[in-house]
């Protein structure tokens, strides 16, 4: 009987060690998102004539929802451990991808983009600390996104994440949303400053795996 309890204790310690074993803070992820785009531009209605040197123009507005696909690298690390299962930390991310709009908008048809969404996070459960033995975890965060594109766009951003431990890896699903659009303006003599382009990465979902 004593041997049975010793074996049971050893098995329990082994399982605890497996549950607590955390991989590195690095992960790779695949993502997809939507980017609403509104563009306004001057459309030539009549060619210039001898009496009207500038011709006749009208402002045309086009709205479309571009699609973004990304492949990224993330580094998630705790900075302040509140407990074994809770921590405040950073989520640093860099991703490359393609952005394209189904409706013709100049500059938004299958172009490459570099995405830098960075967050301060609060986590509970797995991924919070190396000491956590939770199989599941959640995280929320707030930060800033900068996307390097033909027309760069940036915005405050928020994050929501769910994670699950599998052996020495963590699999997670992350949702991010930007809060404000980036706006660019053009100056027309008859209209004054007019919003030329409005861009916002409205919602992005990524699936990641630590390594």
Protein backbone atom coordinates (compact mmCIF):
# COMPACT_ATOMS: atom_id res chain seq x y z
CA UNK A 1 0.00 0.00 0.00
CA UNK A 2 2.83 2.38 0.84
CA UNK A 3 4.37 1.67 -2.58
CA UNK A 4 0.99 2.47 -4.20
CA UNK A 5 0.85 5.88 -2.51
CA UNK A 6 4.45 6.60 -3.50
CA UNK A 7 3.67 5.74 -7.12
CA UNK A 8 0.52 7.89 -7.00
CA UNK A 9 2.51 10.81 -5.57
CA UNK A 10 5.19 10.43 -8.25
CA UNK A 11 2.54 10.35 -10.99
CA UNK A 12 0.86 13.45 -9.55
CA UNK A 13 4.17 15.33 -9.50
CA UNK A 14 4.83 14.24 -13.06
CA UNK A 15 1.43 15.49 -14.23
CA UNK A 16 1.89 18.76 -12.39
CA UNK A 17 5.26 19.20 -14.01
CA UNK A 18 3.77 18.58 -17.43
CA UNK A 19 0.96 21.04 -16.82
CA UNK A 20 3.34 23.72 -15.57
CA UNK A 21 5.89 23.23 -18.33
CA UNK A 22 5.61 26.31 -20.49
CA UNK A 23 7.10 26.85 -23.90
CA UNK A 24 8.93 30.00 -24.87
CA UNK A 25 7.09 33.31 -25.05
CA UNK A 26 7.36 33.30 -28.84
CA UNK A 27 4.59 32.17 -31.16
CA UNK A 28 3.63 32.19 -34.82
CA UNK A 29 0.15 33.09 -36.00
CA UNK A 30 -2.09 33.23 -39.05
CA UNK A 31 -4.73 35.92 -39.25
CA UNK A 32 -7.49 37.46 -41.32
CA UNK A 33 -9.33 40.73 -40.92
CA UNK A 34 -11.49 43.39 -42.48
CA UNK A 35 -10.42 46.95 -43.27
CA UNK A 36 -13.24 49.36 -44.18
CA UNK A 37 -12.03 51.94 -46.70
CA UNK A 38 -13.73 55.14 -47.84
CA UNK A 39 -12.05 57.11 -50.62
CA UNK A 40 -13.05 60.41 -52.21
CA UNK A 41 -11.50 61.72 -55.40
CA UNK A 42 -12.14 64.31 -58.10
CA UNK A 43 -13.76 62.88 -61.21
CA UNK A 44 -13.43 64.82 -64.47
CA UNK A 45 -16.86 65.45 -66.01
CA UNK A 46 -15.94 67.83 -68.86
CA UNK A 47 -12.60 68.49 -70.53
CA UNK A 48 -11.12 72.01 -70.26
CA UNK A 49 -12.30 74.41 -72.95
CA UNK A 50 -11.21 77.79 -74.21
CA UNK A 51 -13.60 79.50 -71.79
CA UNK A 52 -13.17 77.06 -68.88
CA UNK A 53 -9.50 76.25 -68.49
CA UNK A 54 -9.96 73.91 -65.49
CA UNK A 55 -12.78 71.80 -66.88
CA UNK A 56 -15.61 70.54 -64.68
CA UNK A 57 -15.04 68.12 -61.80
CA UNK A 58 -17.20 66.33 -59.25
CA UNK A 59 -16.18 64.67 -55.99
CA UNK A 60 -16.88 60.91 -56.05
CA UNK A 61 -16.89 58.75 -52.92
CA UNK A 62 -16.24 54.99 -53.01
CA UNK A 63 -16.77 52.70 -50.02
CA UNK A 64 -15.37 49.20 -49.82
CA UNK A 65 -14.30 46.58 -47.27
CA UNK A 66 -10.77 45.36 -47.89
CA UNK A 67 -9.61 41.94 -46.68
CA UNK A 68 -6.32 41.50 -44.83
CA UNK A 69 -4.45 38.18 -44.46
CA UNK A 70 -1.31 38.01 -42.30
CA UNK A 71 1.45 35.73 -41.06
CA UNK A 72 3.02 37.01 -37.87
CA UNK A 73 5.45 36.52 -35.00
CA UNK A 74 4.43 37.38 -31.43
CA UNK A 75 6.32 37.78 -28.15
CA UNK A 76 4.10 37.61 -25.05
CA UNK A 77 5.77 38.03 -21.68
CA UNK A 78 4.67 38.96 -18.13
CA UNK A 79 6.10 42.11 -16.56
CA UNK A 80 4.28 42.08 -13.23
CA UNK A 81 3.19 38.76 -11.72
CA UNK A 82 0.14 39.34 -9.56
CA UNK A 83 -0.10 35.65 -8.66
CA UNK A 84 0.77 32.28 -10.16
CA UNK A 85 -2.28 32.62 -12.43
CA UNK A 86 -2.39 36.37 -13.08
CA UNK A 87 0.03 38.79 -14.68
CA UNK A 88 0.27 42.11 -16.47
CA UNK A 89 2.60 42.03 -19.44
CA UNK A 90 3.33 42.90 -23.04
CA UNK A 91 2.27 41.42 -26.36
CA UNK A 92 4.67 42.53 -29.10
CA UNK A 93 3.76 41.56 -32.65
CA UNK A 94 5.03 41.96 -36.20
CA UNK A 95 3.27 40.54 -39.24
CA UNK A 96 3.39 40.67 -43.00
CA UNK A 97 0.43 40.20 -45.26
CA UNK A 98 -1.69 41.19 -48.21
CA UNK A 99 -4.45 43.78 -48.27
CA UNK A 100 -6.96 43.96 -51.11
CA UNK A 101 -10.37 45.47 -51.76
CA UNK A 102 -12.97 43.71 -53.92
CA UNK A 103 -14.07 47.09 -55.30
CA UNK A 104 -11.56 49.09 -57.31
CA UNK A 105 -9.89 51.69 -55.09
CA UNK A 106 -6.53 53.03 -56.14
CA UNK A 107 -3.77 51.54 -53.96
CA UNK A 108 -5.99 48.90 -52.30
CA UNK A 109 -5.84 46.00 -54.72
CA UNK A 110 -3.51 43.21 -53.60
CA UNK A 111 -0.72 45.23 -51.98
CA UNK A 112 1.71 44.08 -49.27
CA UNK A 113 1.41 45.41 -45.73
CA UNK A 114 3.56 45.28 -42.58
CA UNK A 115 1.48 45.22 -39.41
CA UNK A 116 2.73 46.19 -35.92
CA UNK A 117 0.00 45.71 -33.27
CA UNK A 118 1.46 46.18 -29.76
CA UNK A 119 -0.44 45.74 -26.48
CA UNK A 120 -0.26 45.90 -22.70
CA UNK A 121 -2.11 42.83 -21.46
CA UNK A 122 -3.71 41.29 -18.38
CA UNK A 123 -3.81 37.48 -18.42
CA UNK A 124 -5.31 34.78 -16.26
CA UNK A 125 -4.48 31.08 -16.49
CA UNK A 126 -2.13 29.54 -19.02
CA UNK A 127 0.16 32.05 -20.74
CA UNK A 128 -0.07 34.30 -17.67
CA UNK A 129 3.09 33.00 -15.94
CA UNK A 130 5.36 29.97 -16.09
CA UNK A 131 4.04 28.93 -12.66
CA UNK A 132 0.41 28.61 -13.77
CA UNK A 133 -0.95 25.04 -13.97
CA UNK A 134 -4.22 26.07 -15.63
CA UNK A 135 -5.08 24.32 -18.88
CA UNK A 136 -7.08 27.33 -20.10
CA UNK A 137 -6.38 31.02 -20.09
CA UNK A 138 -7.83 34.38 -21.09
CA UNK A 139 -6.26 37.71 -21.85
CA UNK A 140 -7.36 41.28 -22.54
CA UNK A 141 -5.22 44.14 -23.73
CA UNK A 142 -5.07 47.69 -24.97
CA UNK A 143 -2.44 49.27 -27.17
CA UNK A 144 -1.66 50.74 -30.56
CA UNK A 145 -1.49 49.45 -34.13
CA UNK A 146 0.69 50.86 -36.90
CA UNK A 147 0.36 49.38 -40.38
CA UNK A 148 3.01 50.27 -42.95
CA UNK A 149 1.27 50.44 -46.30
CA UNK A 150 1.17 52.62 -49.39
CA UNK A 151 -1.08 54.77 -47.19
CA UNK A 152 0.02 53.98 -43.59
CA UNK A 153 -2.79 53.68 -41.06
CA UNK A 154 -2.67 53.66 -37.26
CA UNK A 155 -5.09 53.53 -34.36
CA UNK A 156 -5.54 52.71 -30.67
CA UNK A 157 -6.49 49.05 -30.50
CA UNK A 158 -7.91 46.47 -28.07
CA UNK A 159 -7.33 42.71 -27.72
CA UNK A 160 -9.29 39.70 -26.45
CA UNK A 161 -7.71 36.24 -26.32
CA UNK A 162 -8.47 32.69 -25.27
CA UNK A 163 -5.68 30.11 -24.87
CA UNK A 164 -5.34 26.37 -24.28
CA UNK A 165 -2.24 24.45 -23.21
CA UNK A 166 -1.28 21.34 -25.20
CA UNK A 167 1.79 19.70 -23.73
CA UNK A 168 4.59 22.23 -24.07
CA UNK A 169 2.71 24.50 -26.47
CA UNK A 170 -0.09 27.00 -26.17
CA UNK A 171 -2.74 27.35 -28.84
CA UNK A 172 -4.64 30.64 -28.80
CA UNK A 173 -7.38 32.51 -30.63
CA UNK A 174 -7.01 36.30 -30.56
CA UNK A 175 -9.44 39.00 -31.64
CA UNK A 176 -8.27 42.59 -32.10
CA UNK A 177 -10.23 45.69 -33.06
CA UNK A 178 -9.08 49.21 -33.86
CA UNK A 179 -10.94 52.12 -32.32
CA UNK A 180 -10.30 55.09 -34.62
CA UNK A 181 -9.91 55.47 -38.40
CA UNK A 182 -6.88 57.03 -40.06
CA UNK A 183 -7.88 59.96 -42.26
CA UNK A 184 -6.02 61.67 -45.09
CA UNK A 185 -7.20 64.96 -46.60
CA UNK A 186 -6.92 66.62 -50.01
CA UNK A 187 -7.24 70.38 -50.55
CA UNK A 188 -9.62 71.53 -53.29
CA UNK A 189 -9.84 75.22 -54.15
CA UNK A 190 -13.63 75.17 -54.37
CA UNK A 191 -14.29 72.76 -51.49
CA UNK A 192 -11.37 73.32 -49.13
CA UNK A 193 -9.90 70.34 -47.22
CA UNK A 194 -11.87 67.19 -48.12
CA UNK A 195 -11.38 63.75 -46.59
CA UNK A 196 -9.66 61.76 -49.33
CA UNK A 197 -9.22 58.39 -47.58
CA UNK A 198 -10.50 56.87 -44.34
CA UNK A 199 -8.98 53.53 -43.23
CA UNK A 200 -9.64 51.43 -40.14
CA UNK A 201 -8.63 47.85 -39.38
CA UNK A 202 -11.98 47.09 -37.85
CA UNK A 203 -11.61 43.47 -36.74
CA UNK A 204 -8.88 40.85 -36.99
CA UNK A 205 -8.87 37.21 -35.84
CA UNK A 206 -5.62 35.26 -35.52
CA UNK A 207 -4.81 31.66 -34.54
CA UNK A 208 -1.40 31.18 -32.99
CA UNK A 209 0.82 28.43 -31.61
CA UNK A 210 3.77 28.94 -29.29
CA UNK A 211 7.09 27.23 -29.94
